[in-house]
Amino acid sequence: MTETVKQDKIIIDGKEYIINDLPLEVRNTIVARQEIQQSKLRHELELEKIEVLTTYYNDKIKKGLEKLNGSHTKNSWKFYNRSRRRF
């Protein structure tokens, strides 16, 4: 009876490597890079949530001001939104 051992592999620059055959420093660097990439993704998702919530709150403020002052606040609000800088 022959047992097949599955070995984890990684492809770097088009070449396949068995992870356990790589030097410890290289494996640690790969893990560190993966953690940074995951962190970047989490931050991008947070920024998307912030954008959605900002839009929601801007609309809520606009509606509240329209109720308070009438419809003349629409034009000034559009000017404010266009003048906002995006980073």
C-alpha atoms as a PDB file:
ATOM      1  CA  MET A   1       0.000   0.000   0.000  1.00  0.00           C
ATOM      2  CA  THR A   2       1.396   3.367  -1.010  1.00  0.00           C
ATOM      3  CA  GLU A   3       0.457   6.556   0.798  1.00  0.00           C
ATOM      4  CA  THR A   4       0.486   9.869  -0.992  1.00  0.00           C
ATOM      5  CA  VAL A   5       1.582  12.833   1.075  1.00  0.00           C
ATOM      6  CA  LYS A   6       0.143  16.121  -0.068  1.00  0.00           C
ATOM      7  CA  GLN A   7       2.719  18.886   0.098  1.00  0.00           C
ATOM      8  CA  ASP A   8       1.781  22.541   0.079  1.00  0.00           C
ATOM      9  CA  LYS A   9       3.124  24.362  -2.940  1.00  0.00           C
ATOM     10  CA  ILE A  10       3.450  27.973  -3.954  1.00  0.00           C
ATOM     11  CA  ILE A  11       4.028  29.515  -7.359  1.00  0.00           C
ATOM     12  CA  ILE A  12       6.425  32.460  -7.480  1.00  0.00           C
ATOM     13  CA  ASP A  13       7.306  34.099 -10.799  1.00  0.00           C
ATOM     14  CA  GLY A  14       5.791  31.175 -12.664  1.00  0.00           C
ATOM     15  CA  LYS A  15       7.837  28.541 -10.844  1.00  0.00           C
ATOM     16  CA  GLU A  16       6.315  26.044  -8.399  1.00  0.00           C
ATOM     17  CA  TYR A  17       8.003  25.483  -5.039  1.00  0.00           C
ATOM     18  CA  ILE A  18       7.278  23.046  -2.219  1.00  0.00           C
ATOM     19  CA  ILE A  19       6.892  25.321   0.783  1.00  0.00           C
ATOM     20  CA  ASN A  20       8.627  22.975   3.247  1.00  0.00           C
ATOM     21  CA  ASP A  21      11.699  22.879   0.987  1.00  0.00           C
ATOM     22  CA  LEU A  22      12.158  26.655   1.159  1.00  0.00           C
ATOM     23  CA  PRO A  23      14.529  28.197   3.696  1.00  0.00           C
ATOM     24  CA  LEU A  24      12.854  29.307   6.927  1.00  0.00           C
ATOM     25  CA  GLU A  25      13.616  32.976   6.209  1.00  0.00           C
ATOM     26  CA  VAL A  26      11.867  32.773   2.826  1.00  0.00           C
ATOM     27  CA  ARG A  27       8.841  31.030   4.359  1.00  0.00           C
ATOM     28  CA  ASN A  28       8.625  33.692   7.074  1.00  0.00           C
ATOM     29  CA  THR A  29       8.867  36.424   4.453  1.00  0.00           C
ATOM     30  CA  ILE A  30       6.046  34.817   2.454  1.00  0.00           C
ATOM     31  CA  VAL A  31       3.863  34.708   5.580  1.00  0.00           C
ATOM     32  CA  ALA A  32       4.678  38.361   6.372  1.00  0.00           C
ATOM     33  CA  ARG A  33       3.739  39.372   2.821  1.00  0.00           C
ATOM     34  CA  GLN A  34       0.454  37.466   3.048  1.00  0.00           C
ATOM     35  CA  GLU A  35      -0.375  39.213   6.332  1.00  0.00           C
ATOM     36  CA  ILE A  36       0.321  42.617   4.778  1.00  0.00           C
ATOM     37  CA  GLN A  37      -1.875  41.784   1.784  1.00  0.00           C
ATOM     38  CA  GLN A  38      -4.706  40.703   4.105  1.00  0.00           C
ATOM     39  CA  SER A  39      -4.287  43.898   6.100  1.00  0.00           C
ATOM     40  CA  LYS A  40      -4.481  45.957   2.908  1.00  0.00           C
ATOM     41  CA  LEU A  41      -7.700  44.194   1.925  1.00  0.00           C
ATOM     42  CA  ARG A  42      -9.229  44.820   5.373  1.00  0.00           C
ATOM     43  CA  HIS A  43      -8.331  48.505   5.133  1.00  0.00           C
ATOM     44  CA  GLU A  44      -9.802  48.789   1.639  1.00  0.00           C
ATOM     45  CA  LEU A  45     -13.044  47.228   2.893  1.00  0.00           C
ATOM     46  CA  GLU A  46     -13.106  49.662   5.827  1.00  0.00           C
ATOM     47  CA  LEU A  47     -12.624  52.590   3.437  1.00  0.00           C
ATOM     48  CA  GLU A  48     -15.537  51.357   1.331  1.00  0.00           C
ATOM     49  CA  LYS A  49     -17.730  51.163   4.459  1.00  0.00           C
ATOM     50  CA  ILE A  50     -16.651  54.673   5.443  1.00  0.00           C
ATOM     51  CA  GLU A  51     -17.594  55.978   1.984  1.00  0.00           C
ATOM     52  CA  VAL A  52     -21.032  54.331   2.178  1.00  0.00           C
ATOM     53  CA  LEU A  53     -21.673  55.686   5.676  1.00  0.00           C
ATOM     54  CA  THR A  54     -20.441  59.154   4.720  1.00  0.00           C
ATOM     55  CA  THR A  55     -22.867  59.212   1.791  1.00  0.00           C
ATOM     56  CA  TYR A  56     -25.686  58.044   4.072  1.00  0.00           C
ATOM     57  CA  TYR A  57     -24.952  60.723   6.675  1.00  0.00           C
ATOM     58  CA  ASN A  58     -24.559  63.437   4.029  1.00  0.00           C
ATOM     59  CA  ASP A  59     -27.993  62.543   2.647  1.00  0.00           C
ATOM     60  CA  LYS A  60     -29.481  62.513   6.138  1.00  0.00           C
ATOM     61  CA  ILE A  61     -27.982  65.947   6.908  1.00  0.00           C
ATOM     62  CA  LYS A  62     -29.221  67.285   3.562  1.00  0.00           C
ATOM     63  CA  LYS A  63     -32.765  66.060   4.206  1.00  0.00           C
ATOM     64  CA  GLY A  64     -32.736  67.497   7.713  1.00  0.00           C
ATOM     65  CA  LEU A  65     -31.574  70.880   6.446  1.00  0.00           C
ATOM     66  CA  GLU A  66     -34.163  70.848   3.667  1.00  0.00           C
ATOM     67  CA  LYS A  67     -36.891  70.290   6.249  1.00  0.00           C
ATOM     68  CA  LEU A  68     -35.501  73.116   8.356  1.00  0.00           C
ATOM     69  CA  ASN A  69     -34.780  75.699   5.652  1.00  0.00           C
ATOM     70  CA  GLY A  70     -36.659  74.616   2.575  1.00  0.00           C
ATOM     71  CA  SER A  71     -35.222  73.450  -0.734  1.00  0.00           C
ATOM     72  CA  HIS A  72     -32.657  76.282  -1.178  1.00  0.00           C
ATOM     73  CA  THR A  73     -30.004  74.209   0.669  1.00  0.00           C
ATOM     74  CA  LYS A  74     -29.753  71.771  -2.247  1.00  0.00           C
ATOM     75  CA  ASN A  75     -27.541  74.052  -4.346  1.00  0.00           C
ATOM     76  CA  SER A  76     -25.109  74.862  -1.561  1.00  0.00           C
ATOM     77  CA  TRP A  77     -24.857  71.174  -0.629  1.00  0.00           C
ATOM     78  CA  LYS A  78     -23.954  70.217  -4.204  1.00  0.00           C
ATOM     79  CA  PHE A  79     -21.246  72.876  -4.184  1.00  0.00           C
ATOM     80  CA  TYR A  80     -19.886  71.462  -0.907  1.00  0.00           C
ATOM     81  CA  ASN A  81     -19.794  67.909  -2.281  1.00  0.00           C
ATOM     82  CA  ARG A  82     -17.978  69.008  -5.454  1.00  0.00           C
ATOM     83  CA  SER A  83     -15.399  70.985  -3.518  1.00  0.00           C
ATOM     84  CA  ARG A  84     -14.480  68.056  -1.241  1.00  0.00           C
ATOM     85  CA  ARG A  85     -11.053  66.654  -1.947  1.00  0.00           C
ATOM     86  CA  ARG A  86     -10.662  62.911  -2.350  1.00  0.00           C
ATOM     87  CA  PHE A  87      -7.454  61.209  -1.376  1.00  0.00           C
END
